[in-house]
Amino acid sequence: MAAIVHFLSLLLVKQLRLSFQTTLRLHGLAEILPQIPPWKCKHVDTSPHKTTTIARLFYRDTVDCLQTLLNNPLFTNSLDFSPYHVFTPAQCLVQVYGKWMSSDVAWKIQVGIVST
């Protein structure tokens, strides 16, 4: 806490016009952040191989992560679920590539033409 108070008292930091000036306000803003899926840990069996420490795998539940992303209002207009093509206005001769869903690969995967 003392380090944060010292950091916030620096002239350069004061010129940044942050949305908080105290550690109490910073903690208050951190408390209202949306919850994210917690990390999970599994011990990995390494019995065929000798190790000096226990191998651990840290991960997050994929479904929980997807639910968090899909429920986040910041991504409402940013997520595409179906591929699309964009062409220039002049006679639709030139394809414009912007996001991944506008690519030919995404289109082929959707149609099922991509060879494996």
C-alpha atoms as a PDB file:
ATOM      1  CA  MET A   1       0.000   0.000   0.000  1.00  0.00           C
ATOM      2  CA  ALA A   2       2.814   2.390   0.839  1.00  0.00           C
ATOM      3  CA  ALA A   3       4.399   1.799  -2.562  1.00  0.00           C
ATOM      4  CA  ILE A   4       1.098   2.604  -4.307  1.00  0.00           C
ATOM      5  CA  VAL A   5       0.661   5.780  -2.246  1.00  0.00           C
ATOM      6  CA  HIS A   6       4.211   6.826  -3.138  1.00  0.00           C
ATOM      7  CA  PHE A   7       3.624   6.019  -6.818  1.00  0.00           C
ATOM      8  CA  LEU A   8       0.403   8.067  -6.914  1.00  0.00           C
ATOM      9  CA  SER A   9       2.189  11.031  -5.300  1.00  0.00           C
ATOM     10  CA  LEU A  10       4.729  11.292  -8.134  1.00  0.00           C
ATOM     11  CA  LEU A  11       4.356  14.423 -10.270  1.00  0.00           C
ATOM     12  CA  LEU A  12       4.474  12.450 -13.526  1.00  0.00           C
ATOM     13  CA  VAL A  13       1.632  10.179 -12.351  1.00  0.00           C
ATOM     14  CA  LYS A  14      -0.460  13.153 -11.208  1.00  0.00           C
ATOM     15  CA  GLN A  15      -0.200  14.607 -14.716  1.00  0.00           C
ATOM     16  CA  LEU A  16      -1.775  11.437 -16.175  1.00  0.00           C
ATOM     17  CA  ARG A  17      -5.194  12.421 -14.766  1.00  0.00           C
ATOM     18  CA  LEU A  18      -6.063   8.879 -13.701  1.00  0.00           C
ATOM     19  CA  SER A  19      -9.608   8.003 -12.649  1.00  0.00           C
ATOM     20  CA  PHE A  20      -8.292   7.423  -9.118  1.00  0.00           C
ATOM     21  CA  GLN A  21      -5.981   9.386  -6.861  1.00  0.00           C
ATOM     22  CA  THR A  22      -6.019   7.174  -3.757  1.00  0.00           C
ATOM     23  CA  THR A  23      -5.449   3.511  -3.020  1.00  0.00           C
ATOM     24  CA  LEU A  24      -8.964   3.301  -1.573  1.00  0.00           C
ATOM     25  CA  ARG A  25     -10.467   4.498  -4.861  1.00  0.00           C
ATOM     26  CA  LEU A  26      -8.201   2.114  -6.843  1.00  0.00           C
ATOM     27  CA  HIS A  27      -9.369  -0.831  -4.747  1.00  0.00           C
ATOM     28  CA  GLY A  28     -12.982   0.294  -5.151  1.00  0.00           C
ATOM     29  CA  LEU A  29     -12.615   0.322  -8.942  1.00  0.00           C
ATOM     30  CA  ALA A  30     -10.927  -3.084  -8.876  1.00  0.00           C
ATOM     31  CA  GLU A  31     -13.825  -4.516  -6.861  1.00  0.00           C
ATOM     32  CA  ILE A  32     -16.398  -3.609  -9.527  1.00  0.00           C
ATOM     33  CA  LEU A  33     -14.478  -5.300 -12.348  1.00  0.00           C
ATOM     34  CA  PRO A  34     -16.319  -8.299 -13.798  1.00  0.00           C
ATOM     35  CA  GLN A  35     -15.350 -11.663 -12.357  1.00  0.00           C
ATOM     36  CA  ILE A  36     -13.237 -13.924 -14.530  1.00  0.00           C
ATOM     37  CA  PRO A  37     -13.070 -17.712 -14.383  1.00  0.00           C
ATOM     38  CA  PRO A  38     -10.701 -18.935 -11.677  1.00  0.00           C
ATOM     39  CA  TRP A  39      -7.506 -20.816 -12.377  1.00  0.00           C
ATOM     40  CA  LYS A  40      -7.611 -24.550 -11.713  1.00  0.00           C
ATOM     41  CA  CYS A  41      -4.717 -26.909 -11.030  1.00  0.00           C
ATOM     42  CA  LYS A  42      -4.203 -30.597 -11.752  1.00  0.00           C
ATOM     43  CA  HIS A  43      -1.248 -32.713 -10.783  1.00  0.00           C
ATOM     44  CA  VAL A  44       0.207 -34.478 -13.800  1.00  0.00           C
ATOM     45  CA  ASP A  45       1.280 -38.099 -13.428  1.00  0.00           C
ATOM     46  CA  THR A  46       4.970 -38.273 -14.287  1.00  0.00           C
ATOM     47  CA  SER A  47       5.580 -41.779 -12.890  1.00  0.00           C
ATOM     48  CA  PRO A  48       7.308 -43.045 -16.060  1.00  0.00           C
ATOM     49  CA  HIS A  49       9.794 -40.161 -15.743  1.00  0.00           C
ATOM     50  CA  LYS A  50      11.603 -39.099 -12.596  1.00  0.00           C
ATOM     51  CA  THR A  51      11.096 -35.444 -11.649  1.00  0.00           C
ATOM     52  CA  THR A  52      12.351 -33.466  -8.678  1.00  0.00           C
ATOM     53  CA  THR A  53       9.076 -31.592  -8.241  1.00  0.00           C
ATOM     54  CA  ILE A  54       5.447 -32.444  -8.815  1.00  0.00           C
ATOM     55  CA  ALA A  55       4.290 -31.410 -12.301  1.00  0.00           C
ATOM     56  CA  ARG A  56       1.212 -29.224 -12.171  1.00  0.00           C
ATOM     57  CA  LEU A  57      -1.023 -28.079 -14.995  1.00  0.00           C
ATOM     58  CA  PHE A  58      -2.748 -24.731 -14.507  1.00  0.00           C
ATOM     59  CA  TYR A  59      -5.800 -24.034 -16.658  1.00  0.00           C
ATOM     60  CA  ARG A  60      -9.176 -22.330 -16.835  1.00  0.00           C
ATOM     61  CA  ASP A  61     -12.441 -24.015 -17.763  1.00  0.00           C
ATOM     62  CA  THR A  62     -13.020 -23.368 -21.485  1.00  0.00           C
ATOM     63  CA  VAL A  63     -16.799 -23.123 -21.192  1.00  0.00           C
ATOM     64  CA  ASP A  64     -16.513 -20.591 -18.352  1.00  0.00           C
ATOM     65  CA  CYS A  65     -14.074 -18.507 -20.432  1.00  0.00           C
ATOM     66  CA  LEU A  66     -16.402 -18.536 -23.445  1.00  0.00           C
ATOM     67  CA  GLN A  67     -19.384 -17.568 -21.289  1.00  0.00           C
ATOM     68  CA  THR A  68     -17.380 -14.685 -19.813  1.00  0.00           C
ATOM     69  CA  LEU A  69     -16.409 -13.422 -23.280  1.00  0.00           C
ATOM     70  CA  LEU A  70     -19.902 -13.797 -24.745  1.00  0.00           C
ATOM     71  CA  ASN A  71     -21.522 -12.032 -21.783  1.00  0.00           C
ATOM     72  CA  ASN A  72     -19.099  -9.097 -21.875  1.00  0.00           C
ATOM     73  CA  PRO A  73     -20.869  -6.032 -23.329  1.00  0.00           C
ATOM     74  CA  LEU A  74     -17.554  -4.691 -24.655  1.00  0.00           C
ATOM     75  CA  PHE A  75     -17.510  -7.505 -27.234  1.00  0.00           C
ATOM     76  CA  THR A  76     -21.154  -7.235 -28.332  1.00  0.00           C
ATOM     77  CA  ASN A  77     -20.348  -5.699 -31.712  1.00  0.00           C
ATOM     78  CA  SER A  78     -16.954  -7.381 -32.108  1.00  0.00           C
ATOM     79  CA  LEU A  79     -17.817 -11.074 -32.320  1.00  0.00           C
ATOM     80  CA  ASP A  80     -18.679 -12.672 -35.637  1.00  0.00           C
ATOM     81  CA  PHE A  81     -20.233 -16.125 -35.743  1.00  0.00           C
ATOM     82  CA  SER A  82     -20.529 -16.670 -39.471  1.00  0.00           C
ATOM     83  CA  PRO A  83     -18.062 -16.013 -42.260  1.00  0.00           C
ATOM     84  CA  TYR A  84     -18.691 -13.283 -44.791  1.00  0.00           C
ATOM     85  CA  HIS A  85     -17.130 -11.757 -47.879  1.00  0.00           C
ATOM     86  CA  VAL A  86     -16.568  -8.039 -48.392  1.00  0.00           C
ATOM     87  CA  PHE A  87     -15.879  -6.610 -51.839  1.00  0.00           C
ATOM     88  CA  THR A  88     -14.958  -3.155 -53.077  1.00  0.00           C
ATOM     89  CA  PRO A  89     -17.923  -1.161 -54.395  1.00  0.00           C
ATOM     90  CA  ALA A  90     -16.605  -0.986 -57.969  1.00  0.00           C
ATOM     91  CA  GLN A  91     -18.098  -4.039 -59.704  1.00  0.00           C
ATOM     92  CA  CYS A  92     -17.260  -6.287 -56.698  1.00  0.00           C
ATOM     93  CA  LEU A  93     -13.994  -7.422 -58.294  1.00  0.00           C
ATOM     94  CA  VAL A  94     -11.622  -6.976 -55.350  1.00  0.00           C
ATOM     95  CA  GLN A  95     -12.196  -8.827 -52.078  1.00  0.00           C
ATOM     96  CA  VAL A  96     -11.400  -6.890 -48.917  1.00  0.00           C
ATOM     97  CA  TYR A  97      -9.955  -8.795 -45.963  1.00  0.00           C
ATOM     98  CA  GLY A  98     -10.470  -7.288 -42.530  1.00  0.00           C
ATOM     99  CA  LYS A  99     -11.255  -9.715 -39.760  1.00  0.00           C
ATOM    100  CA  TRP A 100     -10.562 -13.443 -39.798  1.00  0.00           C
ATOM    101  CA  MET A 101     -14.217 -14.256 -40.536  1.00  0.00           C
ATOM    102  CA  SER A 102     -13.875 -12.366 -43.836  1.00  0.00           C
ATOM    103  CA  SER A 103     -11.125 -14.747 -44.973  1.00  0.00           C
ATOM    104  CA  ASP A 104     -11.483 -17.504 -47.514  1.00  0.00           C
ATOM    105  CA  VAL A 105     -10.357 -20.078 -44.938  1.00  0.00           C
ATOM    106  CA  ALA A 106     -13.216 -19.239 -42.571  1.00  0.00           C
ATOM    107  CA  TRP A 107     -15.626 -19.399 -45.492  1.00  0.00           C
ATOM    108  CA  LYS A 108     -14.289 -22.823 -46.605  1.00  0.00           C
ATOM    109  CA  ILE A 109     -14.442 -24.227 -43.081  1.00  0.00           C
ATOM    110  CA  GLN A 110     -18.086 -23.154 -42.811  1.00  0.00           C
ATOM    111  CA  VAL A 111     -18.927 -24.696 -46.172  1.00  0.00           C
ATOM    112  CA  GLY A 112     -16.851 -27.799 -45.390  1.00  0.00           C
ATOM    113  CA  ILE A 113     -14.465 -27.636 -48.351  1.00  0.00           C
ATOM    114  CA  VAL A 114     -11.167 -27.433 -46.438  1.00  0.00           C
ATOM    115  CA  SER A 115      -9.163 -30.596 -46.925  1.00  0.00           C
ATOM    116  CA  THR A 116      -7.407 -32.092 -43.954  1.00  0.00           C
END
